[in-house]
PDB file of N, CA and C in Angstrom:
ATOM      1  N   MET A   1      -6.214   9.795   2.588  1.00  0.00           N
ATOM      2  CA  MET A   1      -7.251  10.400   3.396  1.00  0.00           C
ATOM      3  C   MET A   1      -7.142   9.839   4.812  1.00  0.00           C
ATOM      4  N   SER A   2      -7.172  10.691   5.835  1.00  0.00           N
ATOM      5  CA  SER A   2      -7.059  10.208   7.204  1.00  0.00           C
ATOM      6  C   SER A   2      -8.379   9.616   7.664  1.00  0.00           C
ATOM      7  N   ASP A   3      -8.316   8.792   8.709  1.00  0.00           N
ATOM      8  CA  ASP A   3      -9.522   8.136   9.196  1.00  0.00           C
ATOM      9  C   ASP A   3     -10.515   9.118   9.806  1.00  0.00           C
ATOM     10  N   ASN A   4     -10.037  10.272  10.275  1.00  0.00           N
ATOM     11  CA  ASN A   4     -10.913  11.252  10.906  1.00  0.00           C
ATOM     12  C   ASN A   4     -11.558  12.199   9.903  1.00  0.00           C
ATOM     13  N   ALA A   5     -11.073  12.238   8.696  1.00  0.00           N
ATOM     14  CA  ALA A   5     -11.617  13.143   7.683  1.00  0.00           C
ATOM     15  C   ALA A   5     -12.986  12.648   7.238  1.00  0.00           C
ATOM     16  N   PRO A   6     -13.894  13.579   6.906  1.00  0.00           N
ATOM     17  CA  PRO A   6     -15.203  13.137   6.408  1.00  0.00           C
ATOM     18  C   PRO A   6     -15.036  12.382   5.092  1.00  0.00           C
ATOM     19  N   ASP A   7     -15.899  11.407   4.895  1.00  0.00           N
ATOM     20  CA  ASP A   7     -15.817  10.583   3.690  1.00  0.00           C
ATOM     21  C   ASP A   7     -16.325  11.364   2.483  1.00  0.00           C
ATOM     22  N   GLU A   8     -15.738  11.081   1.348  1.00  0.00           N
ATOM     23  CA  GLU A   8     -16.167  11.679   0.089  1.00  0.00           C
ATOM     24  C   GLU A   8     -17.052  10.662  -0.620  1.00  0.00           C
ATOM     25  N   TYR A   9     -18.143  11.133  -1.213  1.00  0.00           N
ATOM     26  CA  TYR A   9     -19.055  10.263  -1.938  1.00  0.00           C
ATOM     27  C   TYR A   9     -18.985  10.594  -3.416  1.00  0.00           C
ATOM     28  N   ILE A  10     -18.939   9.543  -4.238  1.00  0.00           N
ATOM     29  CA  ILE A  10     -18.772   9.737  -5.672  1.00  0.00           C
ATOM     30  C   ILE A  10     -19.887   9.031  -6.440  1.00  0.00           C
ATOM     31  N   THR A  11     -20.073   9.433  -7.685  1.00  0.00           N
ATOM     32  CA  THR A  11     -21.138   8.884  -8.524  1.00  0.00           C
ATOM     33  C   THR A  11     -20.772   7.498  -9.038  1.00  0.00           C
ATOM     34  N   VAL A  12     -21.739   6.841  -9.655  1.00  0.00           N
ATOM     35  CA  VAL A  12     -21.517   5.510 -10.216  1.00  0.00           C
ATOM     36  C   VAL A  12     -20.445   5.560 -11.313  1.00  0.00           C
ATOM     37  N   ASP A  13     -20.455   6.611 -12.128  1.00  0.00           N
ATOM     38  CA  ASP A  13     -19.446   6.727 -13.188  1.00  0.00           C
ATOM     39  C   ASP A  13     -18.042   6.852 -12.593  1.00  0.00           C
ATOM     40  N   GLU A  14     -17.914   7.682 -11.567  1.00  0.00           N
ATOM     41  CA  GLU A  14     -16.610   7.865 -10.921  1.00  0.00           C
ATOM     42  C   GLU A  14     -16.172   6.592 -10.207  1.00  0.00           C
ATOM     43  N   ALA A  15     -17.118   5.919  -9.561  1.00  0.00           N
ATOM     44  CA  ALA A  15     -16.799   4.694  -8.830  1.00  0.00           C
ATOM     45  C   ALA A  15     -16.358   3.577  -9.774  1.00  0.00           C
ATOM     46  N   SER A  16     -17.059   3.423 -10.887  1.00  0.00           N
ATOM     47  CA  SER A  16     -16.683   2.367 -11.830  1.00  0.00           C
ATOM     48  C   SER A  16     -15.323   2.671 -12.459  1.00  0.00           C
ATOM     49  N   MET A  17     -15.030   3.941 -12.681  1.00  0.00           N
ATOM     50  CA  MET A  17     -13.726   4.312 -13.222  1.00  0.00           C
ATOM     51  C   MET A  17     -12.619   4.056 -12.188  1.00  0.00           C
ATOM     52  N   LEU A  18     -12.888   4.384 -10.935  1.00  0.00           N
ATOM     53  CA  LEU A  18     -11.899   4.169  -9.879  1.00  0.00           C
ATOM     54  C   LEU A  18     -11.546   2.694  -9.732  1.00  0.00           C
ATOM     55  N   LEU A  19     -12.564   1.837  -9.778  1.00  0.00           N
ATOM     56  CA  LEU A  19     -12.333   0.400  -9.627  1.00  0.00           C
ATOM     57  C   LEU A  19     -11.915  -0.279 -10.922  1.00  0.00           C
ATOM     58  N   GLY A  20     -12.156   0.388 -12.049  1.00  0.00           N
ATOM     59  CA  GLY A  20     -11.817  -0.217 -13.332  1.00  0.00           C
ATOM     60  C   GLY A  20     -12.783  -1.320 -13.727  1.00  0.00           C
ATOM     61  N   VAL A  21     -14.053  -1.159 -13.341  1.00  0.00           N
ATOM     62  CA  VAL A  21     -15.066  -2.163 -13.657  1.00  0.00           C
ATOM     63  C   VAL A  21     -16.255  -1.486 -14.332  1.00  0.00           C
ATOM     64  N   LYS A  22     -17.108  -2.295 -14.944  1.00  0.00           N
ATOM     65  CA  LYS A  22     -18.329  -1.780 -15.551  1.00  0.00           C
ATOM     66  C   LYS A  22     -19.335  -1.448 -14.455  1.00  0.00           C
ATOM     67  N   LYS A  23     -20.325  -0.634 -14.807  1.00  0.00           N
ATOM     68  CA  LYS A  23     -21.368  -0.269 -13.841  1.00  0.00           C
ATOM     69  C   LYS A  23     -22.092  -1.511 -13.335  1.00  0.00           C
ATOM     70  N   ALA A  24     -22.333  -2.464 -14.214  1.00  0.00           N
ATOM     71  CA  ALA A  24     -23.030  -3.694 -13.814  1.00  0.00           C
ATOM     72  C   ALA A  24     -22.237  -4.449 -12.741  1.00  0.00           C
ATOM     73  N   THR A  25     -20.925  -4.440 -12.849  1.00  0.00           N
ATOM     74  CA  THR A  25     -20.080  -5.099 -11.850  1.00  0.00           C
ATOM     75  C   THR A  25     -20.178  -4.361 -10.525  1.00  0.00           C
ATOM     76  N   LEU A  26     -20.207  -3.049 -10.588  1.00  0.00           N
ATOM     77  CA  LEU A  26     -20.353  -2.239  -9.380  1.00  0.00           C
ATOM     78  C   LEU A  26     -21.681  -2.567  -8.691  1.00  0.00           C
ATOM     79  N   TYR A  27     -22.760  -2.665  -9.466  1.00  0.00           N
ATOM     80  CA  TYR A  27     -24.061  -3.020  -8.898  1.00  0.00           C
ATOM     81  C   TYR A  27     -24.017  -4.427  -8.289  1.00  0.00           C
ATOM     82  N   ALA A  28     -23.283  -5.326  -8.915  1.00  0.00           N
ATOM     83  CA  ALA A  28     -23.150  -6.685  -8.377  1.00  0.00           C
ATOM     84  C   ALA A  28     -22.400  -6.666  -7.045  1.00  0.00           C
ATOM     85  N   TYR A  29     -21.382  -5.828  -6.929  1.00  0.00           N
ATOM     86  CA  TYR A  29     -20.661  -5.694  -5.659  1.00  0.00           C
ATOM     87  C   TYR A  29     -21.606  -5.233  -4.551  1.00  0.00           C
ATOM     88  N   VAL A  30     -22.518  -4.315  -4.886  1.00  0.00           N
ATOM     89  CA  VAL A  30     -23.492  -3.831  -3.901  1.00  0.00           C
ATOM     90  C   VAL A  30     -24.437  -4.966  -3.512  1.00  0.00           C
ATOM     91  N   SER A  31     -24.958  -5.690  -4.497  1.00  0.00           N
ATOM     92  CA  SER A  31     -25.918  -6.762  -4.199  1.00  0.00           C
ATOM     93  C   SER A  31     -25.285  -7.892  -3.399  1.00  0.00           C
ATOM     94  N   ARG A  32     -23.979  -8.085  -3.551  1.00  0.00           N
ATOM     95  CA  ARG A  32     -23.273  -9.129  -2.790  1.00  0.00           C
ATOM     96  C   ARG A  32     -22.780  -8.635  -1.441  1.00  0.00           C
ATOM     97  N   GLY A  33     -22.982  -7.352  -1.166  1.00  0.00           N
ATOM     98  CA  GLY A  33     -22.597  -6.814   0.134  1.00  0.00           C
ATOM     99  C   GLY A  33     -21.136  -6.424   0.255  1.00  0.00           C
ATOM    100  N   LEU A  34     -20.415  -6.377  -0.862  1.00  0.00           N
ATOM    101  CA  LEU A  34     -19.003  -5.992  -0.803  1.00  0.00           C
ATOM    102  C   LEU A  34     -18.844  -4.497  -0.531  1.00  0.00           C
ATOM    103  N   ILE A  35     -19.773  -3.716  -1.044  1.00  0.00           N
ATOM    104  CA  ILE A  35     -19.787  -2.272  -0.824  1.00  0.00           C
ATOM    105  C   ILE A  35     -21.230  -1.832  -0.628  1.00  0.00           C
ATOM    106  N   HIS A  36     -21.407  -0.594  -0.185  1.00  0.00           N
ATOM    107  CA  HIS A  36     -22.742  -0.031  -0.005  1.00  0.00           C
ATOM    108  C   HIS A  36     -22.927   1.131  -0.960  1.00  0.00           C
ATOM    109  N   SER A  37     -24.165   1.366  -1.341  1.00  0.00           N
ATOM    110  CA  SER A  37     -24.488   2.563  -2.108  1.00  0.00           C
ATOM    111  C   SER A  37     -25.486   3.359  -1.283  1.00  0.00           C
ATOM    112  N   TYR A  38     -25.493   4.650  -1.521  1.00  0.00           N
ATOM    113  CA  TYR A  38     -26.319   5.551  -0.739  1.00  0.00           C
ATOM    114  C   TYR A  38     -27.194   6.369  -1.675  1.00  0.00           C
ATOM    115  N   LYS A  39     -28.471   6.433  -1.367  1.00  0.00           N
ATOM    116  CA  LYS A  39     -29.429   7.160  -2.190  1.00  0.00           C
ATOM    117  C   LYS A  39     -29.183   8.658  -2.048  1.00  0.00           C
ATOM    118  N   GLN A  40     -29.203   9.343  -3.167  1.00  0.00           N
ATOM    119  CA  GLN A  40     -29.027  10.786  -3.164  1.00  0.00           C
ATOM    120  C   GLN A  40     -30.335  11.452  -3.544  1.00  0.00           C
ATOM    121  N   GLY A  41     -30.895  12.203  -2.639  1.00  0.00           N
ATOM    122  CA  GLY A  41     -32.109  12.957  -2.924  1.00  0.00           C
ATOM    123  C   GLY A  41     -33.278  12.073  -3.299  1.00  0.00           C
ATOM    124  N   ILE A  42     -34.190  12.634  -4.093  1.00  0.00           N
ATOM    125  CA  ILE A  42     -35.384  11.885  -4.460  1.00  0.00           C
ATOM    126  C   ILE A  42     -35.218  11.130  -5.773  1.00  0.00           C
ATOM    127  N   ARG A  43     -34.116  11.386  -6.471  1.00  0.00           N
ATOM    128  CA  ARG A  43     -33.857  10.643  -7.714  1.00  0.00           C
ATOM    129  C   ARG A  43     -33.303   9.266  -7.401  1.00  0.00           C
ATOM    130  N   ARG A  44     -33.154   8.472  -8.425  1.00  0.00           N
ATOM    131  CA  ARG A  44     -32.627   7.114  -8.250  1.00  0.00           C
ATOM    132  C   ARG A  44     -31.110   7.079  -8.218  1.00  0.00           C
ATOM    133  N   GLN A  45     -30.463   8.225  -8.279  1.00  0.00           N
ATOM    134  CA  GLN A  45     -29.001   8.255  -8.302  1.00  0.00           C
ATOM    135  C   GLN A  45     -28.425   7.727  -6.989  1.00  0.00           C
ATOM    136  N   ARG A  46     -27.373   6.934  -7.104  1.00  0.00           N
ATOM    137  CA  ARG A  46     -26.708   6.362  -5.941  1.00  0.00           C
ATOM    138  C   ARG A  46     -25.303   6.940  -5.840  1.00  0.00           C
ATOM    139  N   LEU A  47     -24.825   7.052  -4.621  1.00  0.00           N
ATOM    140  CA  LEU A  47     -23.458   7.510  -4.368  1.00  0.00           C
ATOM    141  C   LEU A  47     -22.709   6.399  -3.661  1.00  0.00           C
ATOM    142  N   TYR A  48     -21.388   6.432  -3.803  1.00  0.00           N
ATOM    143  CA  TYR A  48     -20.522   5.401  -3.239  1.00  0.00           C
ATOM    144  C   TYR A  48     -19.430   6.071  -2.425  1.00  0.00           C
ATOM    145  N   SER A  49     -19.080   5.460  -1.315  1.00  0.00           N
ATOM    146  CA  SER A  49     -18.038   5.978  -0.443  1.00  0.00           C
ATOM    147  C   SER A  49     -16.662   5.726  -1.080  1.00  0.00           C
ATOM    148  N   ARG A  50     -15.926   6.812  -1.315  1.00  0.00           N
ATOM    149  CA  ARG A  50     -14.592   6.661  -1.888  1.00  0.00           C
ATOM    150  C   ARG A  50     -13.713   5.817  -0.965  1.00  0.00           C
ATOM    151  N   ARG A  51     -13.815   6.027   0.318  1.00  0.00           N
ATOM    152  CA  ARG A  51     -13.007   5.270   1.289  1.00  0.00           C
ATOM    153  C   ARG A  51     -13.303   3.775   1.178  1.00  0.00           C
ATOM    154  N   GLN A  52     -14.577   3.423   1.054  1.00  0.00           N
ATOM    155  CA  GLN A  52     -14.960   2.022   0.938  1.00  0.00           C
ATOM    156  C   GLN A  52     -14.446   1.399  -0.357  1.00  0.00           C
ATOM    157  N   LEU A  53     -14.505   2.159  -1.441  1.00  0.00           N
ATOM    158  CA  LEU A  53     -14.011   1.667  -2.726  1.00  0.00           C
ATOM    159  C   LEU A  53     -12.500   1.481  -2.696  1.00  0.00           C
ATOM    160  N   GLU A  54     -11.794   2.418  -2.077  1.00  0.00           N
ATOM    161  CA  GLU A  54     -10.340   2.296  -1.984  1.00  0.00           C
ATOM    162  C   GLU A  54      -9.955   1.106  -1.106  1.00  0.00           C
ATOM    163  N   ALA A  55     -10.753   0.834  -0.064  1.00  0.00           N
ATOM    164  CA  ALA A  55     -10.502  -0.350   0.766  1.00  0.00           C
ATOM    165  C   ALA A  55     -10.711  -1.622  -0.052  1.00  0.00           C
ATOM    166  N   LEU A  56     -11.724  -1.618  -0.918  1.00  0.00           N
ATOM    167  CA  LEU A  56     -11.961  -2.772  -1.782  1.00  0.00           C
ATOM    168  C   LEU A  56     -10.777  -2.994  -2.719  1.00  0.00           C
ATOM    169  N   LEU A  57     -10.175  -1.916  -3.182  1.00  0.00           N
ATOM    170  CA  LEU A  57      -9.007  -2.037  -4.062  1.00  0.00           C
ATOM    171  C   LEU A  57      -7.835  -2.700  -3.350  1.00  0.00           C
ATOM    172  N   THR A  58      -7.697  -2.489  -2.053  1.00  0.00           N
ATOM    173  CA  THR A  58      -6.597  -3.133  -1.324  1.00  0.00           C
ATOM    174  C   THR A  58      -6.854  -4.625  -1.157  1.00  0.00           C
ATOM    175  N   ILE A  59      -8.132  -4.992  -1.104  1.00  0.00           N
ATOM    176  CA  ILE A  59      -8.487  -6.412  -0.979  1.00  0.00           C
ATOM    177  C   ILE A  59      -8.431  -7.094  -2.336  1.00  0.00           C
ATOM    178  N   ARG A  60      -8.941  -6.407  -3.359  1.00  0.00           N
ATOM    179  CA  ARG A  60      -9.008  -6.941  -4.724  1.00  0.00           C
ATOM    180  C   ARG A  60      -8.324  -5.968  -5.666  1.00  0.00           C
ATOM    181  N   PRO A  61      -6.979  -5.976  -5.662  1.00  0.00           N
ATOM    182  CA  PRO A  61      -6.270  -4.975  -6.463  1.00  0.00           C
ATOM    183  C   PRO A  61      -6.462  -5.115  -7.961  1.00  0.00           C
ATOM    184  N   GLY A  62      -6.688  -6.299  -8.459  1.00  0.00           N
ATOM    185  CA  GLY A  62      -6.875  -6.488  -9.900  1.00  0.00           C
ATOM    186  C   GLY A  62      -8.337  -6.595 -10.234  1.00  0.00           C
ATOM    187  N   VAL A  63      -8.649  -6.375 -11.466  1.00  0.00           N
ATOM    188  CA  VAL A  63     -10.020  -6.558 -11.912  1.00  0.00           C
ATOM    189  C   VAL A  63     -10.285  -8.052 -11.944  1.00  0.00           C
ATOM    190  N   THR A  64     -11.427  -8.462 -11.418  1.00  0.00           N
ATOM    191  CA  THR A  64     -11.747  -9.881 -11.403  1.00  0.00           C
ATOM    192  C   THR A  64     -11.960 -10.373 -12.830  1.00  0.00           C
ATOM    193  N   PRO A  65     -11.552 -11.594 -13.140  1.00  0.00           N
ATOM    194  CA  PRO A  65     -11.711 -12.088 -14.512  1.00  0.00           C
ATOM    195  C   PRO A  65     -13.181 -12.214 -14.873  1.00  0.00           C
ATOM    196  N   THR A  66     -13.460 -12.008 -16.128  1.00  0.00           N
ATOM    197  CA  THR A  66     -14.833 -12.171 -16.594  1.00  0.00           C
ATOM    198  C   THR A  66     -15.165 -13.654 -16.639  1.00  0.00           C
ATOM    199  N   GLU A  67     -16.414 -13.970 -16.780  1.00  0.00           N
ATOM    200  CA  GLU A  67     -16.833 -15.367 -16.830  1.00  0.00           C
ATOM    201  C   GLU A  67     -16.174 -16.082 -18.004  1.00  0.00           C
ATOM    202  N   THR A  68     -16.019 -15.412 -19.123  1.00  0.00           N
ATOM    203  CA  THR A  68     -15.389 -16.009 -20.303  1.00  0.00           C
ATOM    204  C   THR A  68     -13.932 -16.332 -20.023  1.00  0.00           C
ATOM    205  N   GLU A  69     -13.217 -15.420 -19.373  1.00  0.00           N
ATOM    206  CA  GLU A  69     -11.817 -15.664 -19.052  1.00  0.00           C
ATOM    207  C   GLU A  69     -11.682 -16.822 -18.077  1.00  0.00           C
ATOM    208  N   ALA A  70     -12.574 -16.904 -17.092  1.00  0.00           N
ATOM    209  CA  ALA A  70     -12.533 -17.990 -16.119  1.00  0.00           C
ATOM    210  C   ALA A  70     -12.781 -19.329 -16.807  1.00  0.00           C
ATOM    211  N   THR A  71     -13.706 -19.359 -17.739  1.00  0.00           N
ATOM    212  CA  THR A  71     -13.985 -20.577 -18.493  1.00  0.00           C
ATOM    213  C   THR A  71     -12.784 -20.976 -19.327  1.00  0.00           C
ATOM    214  N   ALA A  72     -12.141 -20.019 -19.982  1.00  0.00           N
ATOM    215  CA  ALA A  72     -10.968 -20.306 -20.804  1.00  0.00           C
ATOM    216  C   ALA A  72      -9.847 -20.880 -19.946  1.00  0.00           C
ATOM    217  N   GLU A  73      -9.668 -20.339 -18.744  1.00  0.00           N
ATOM    218  CA  GLU A  73      -8.642 -20.839 -17.830  1.00  0.00           C
ATOM    219  C   GLU A  73      -8.930 -22.293 -17.464  1.00  0.00           C
ATOM    220  N   THR A  74     -10.178 -22.612 -17.164  1.00  0.00           N
ATOM    221  CA  THR A  74     -10.570 -23.963 -16.795  1.00  0.00           C
ATOM    222  C   THR A  74     -10.375 -24.921 -17.954  1.00  0.00           C
ATOM    223  N   GLU A  75     -10.660 -24.477 -19.172  1.00  0.00           N
ATOM    224  CA  GLU A  75     -10.548 -25.347 -20.335  1.00  0.00           C
ATOM    225  C   GLU A  75      -9.103 -25.723 -20.626  1.00  0.00           C
ATOM    226  N   ARG A  76      -8.144 -24.951 -20.189  1.00  0.00           N
ATOM    227  CA  ARG A  76      -6.734 -25.273 -20.431  1.00  0.00           C
ATOM    228  C   ARG A  76      -6.215 -26.365 -19.509  1.00  0.00           C
ATOM    229  N   LEU A  77      -6.900 -26.607 -18.392  1.00  0.00           N
ATOM    230  CA  LEU A  77      -6.445 -27.620 -17.446  1.00  0.00           C
ATOM    231  C   LEU A  77      -6.819 -29.008 -17.944  1.00  0.00           C
ATOM    232  N   PRO A  78      -5.887 -29.967 -17.858  1.00  0.00           N
ATOM    233  CA  PRO A  78      -6.228 -31.337 -18.276  1.00  0.00           C
ATOM    234  C   PRO A  78      -7.160 -31.973 -17.249  1.00  0.00           C
ATOM    235  N   PRO A  79      -7.960 -32.931 -17.679  1.00  0.00           N
ATOM    236  CA  PRO A  79      -8.840 -33.638 -16.746  1.00  0.00           C
ATOM    237  C   PRO A  79      -8.032 -34.344 -15.662  1.00  0.00           C
ATOM    238  N   ALA A  80      -8.608 -34.492 -14.489  1.00  0.00           N
ATOM    239  CA  ALA A  80      -7.930 -35.116 -13.347  1.00  0.00           C
ATOM    240  C   ALA A  80      -7.477 -36.540 -13.673  1.00  0.00           C
ATOM    241  N   ALA A  81      -8.240 -37.268 -14.491  1.00  0.00           N
ATOM    242  CA  ALA A  81      -7.877 -38.644 -14.846  1.00  0.00           C
ATOM    243  C   ALA A  81      -6.519 -38.679 -15.550  1.00  0.00           C
ATOM    244  N   GLU A  82      -6.235 -37.655 -16.368  1.00  0.00           N
ATOM    245  CA  GLU A  82      -4.935 -37.585 -17.045  1.00  0.00           C
ATOM    246  C   GLU A  82      -3.812 -37.341 -16.048  1.00  0.00           C
ATOM    247  N   TRP A  83      -4.079 -36.571 -15.020  1.00  0.00           N
ATOM    248  CA  TRP A  83      -3.048 -36.327 -13.997  1.00  0.00           C
ATOM    249  C   TRP A  83      -2.711 -37.625 -13.290  1.00  0.00           C
ATOM    250  N   MET A  84      -3.752 -38.381 -12.972  1.00  0.00           N
ATOM    251  CA  MET A  84      -3.552 -39.631 -12.237  1.00  0.00           C
ATOM    252  C   MET A  84      -2.830 -40.661 -13.106  1.00  0.00           C
ATOM    253  N   ALA A  85      -3.082 -40.661 -14.421  1.00  0.00           N
ATOM    254  CA  ALA A  85      -2.453 -41.614 -15.327  1.00  0.00           C
ATOM    255  C   ALA A  85      -0.955 -41.356 -15.426  1.00  0.00           C
ATOM    256  N   ARG A  86      -0.520 -40.117 -15.212  1.00  0.00           N
ATOM    257  CA  ARG A  86       0.896 -39.761 -15.315  1.00  0.00           C
ATOM    258  C   ARG A  86       1.697 -40.207 -14.117  1.00  0.00           C
ATOM    259  N   ARG A  87       1.068 -40.566 -13.031  1.00  0.00           N
ATOM    260  CA  ARG A  87       1.784 -40.931 -11.804  1.00  0.00           C
ATOM    261  C   ARG A  87       2.423 -42.236 -11.885  1.00  0.00           C
TER     262      ARG A  87
END
């Protein structure tokens, strides 16, 4: 999409599918200011800028690890005291 073309707005379902994340993660991105959502009409439905989501994909191409995966990664690392003992 060129920079001069009007932006396309997509639903929460389409946005979460595009990013490969759950809706809750998408809402967290909005609350953290990574992306914006736009109110549509008088309903509570929100729309997301496709251009903004695609820009986020260039910054964060992979899905961020879940809290459980991050904990598992940390648990595999030996304590710092063991590193120092090996020196």
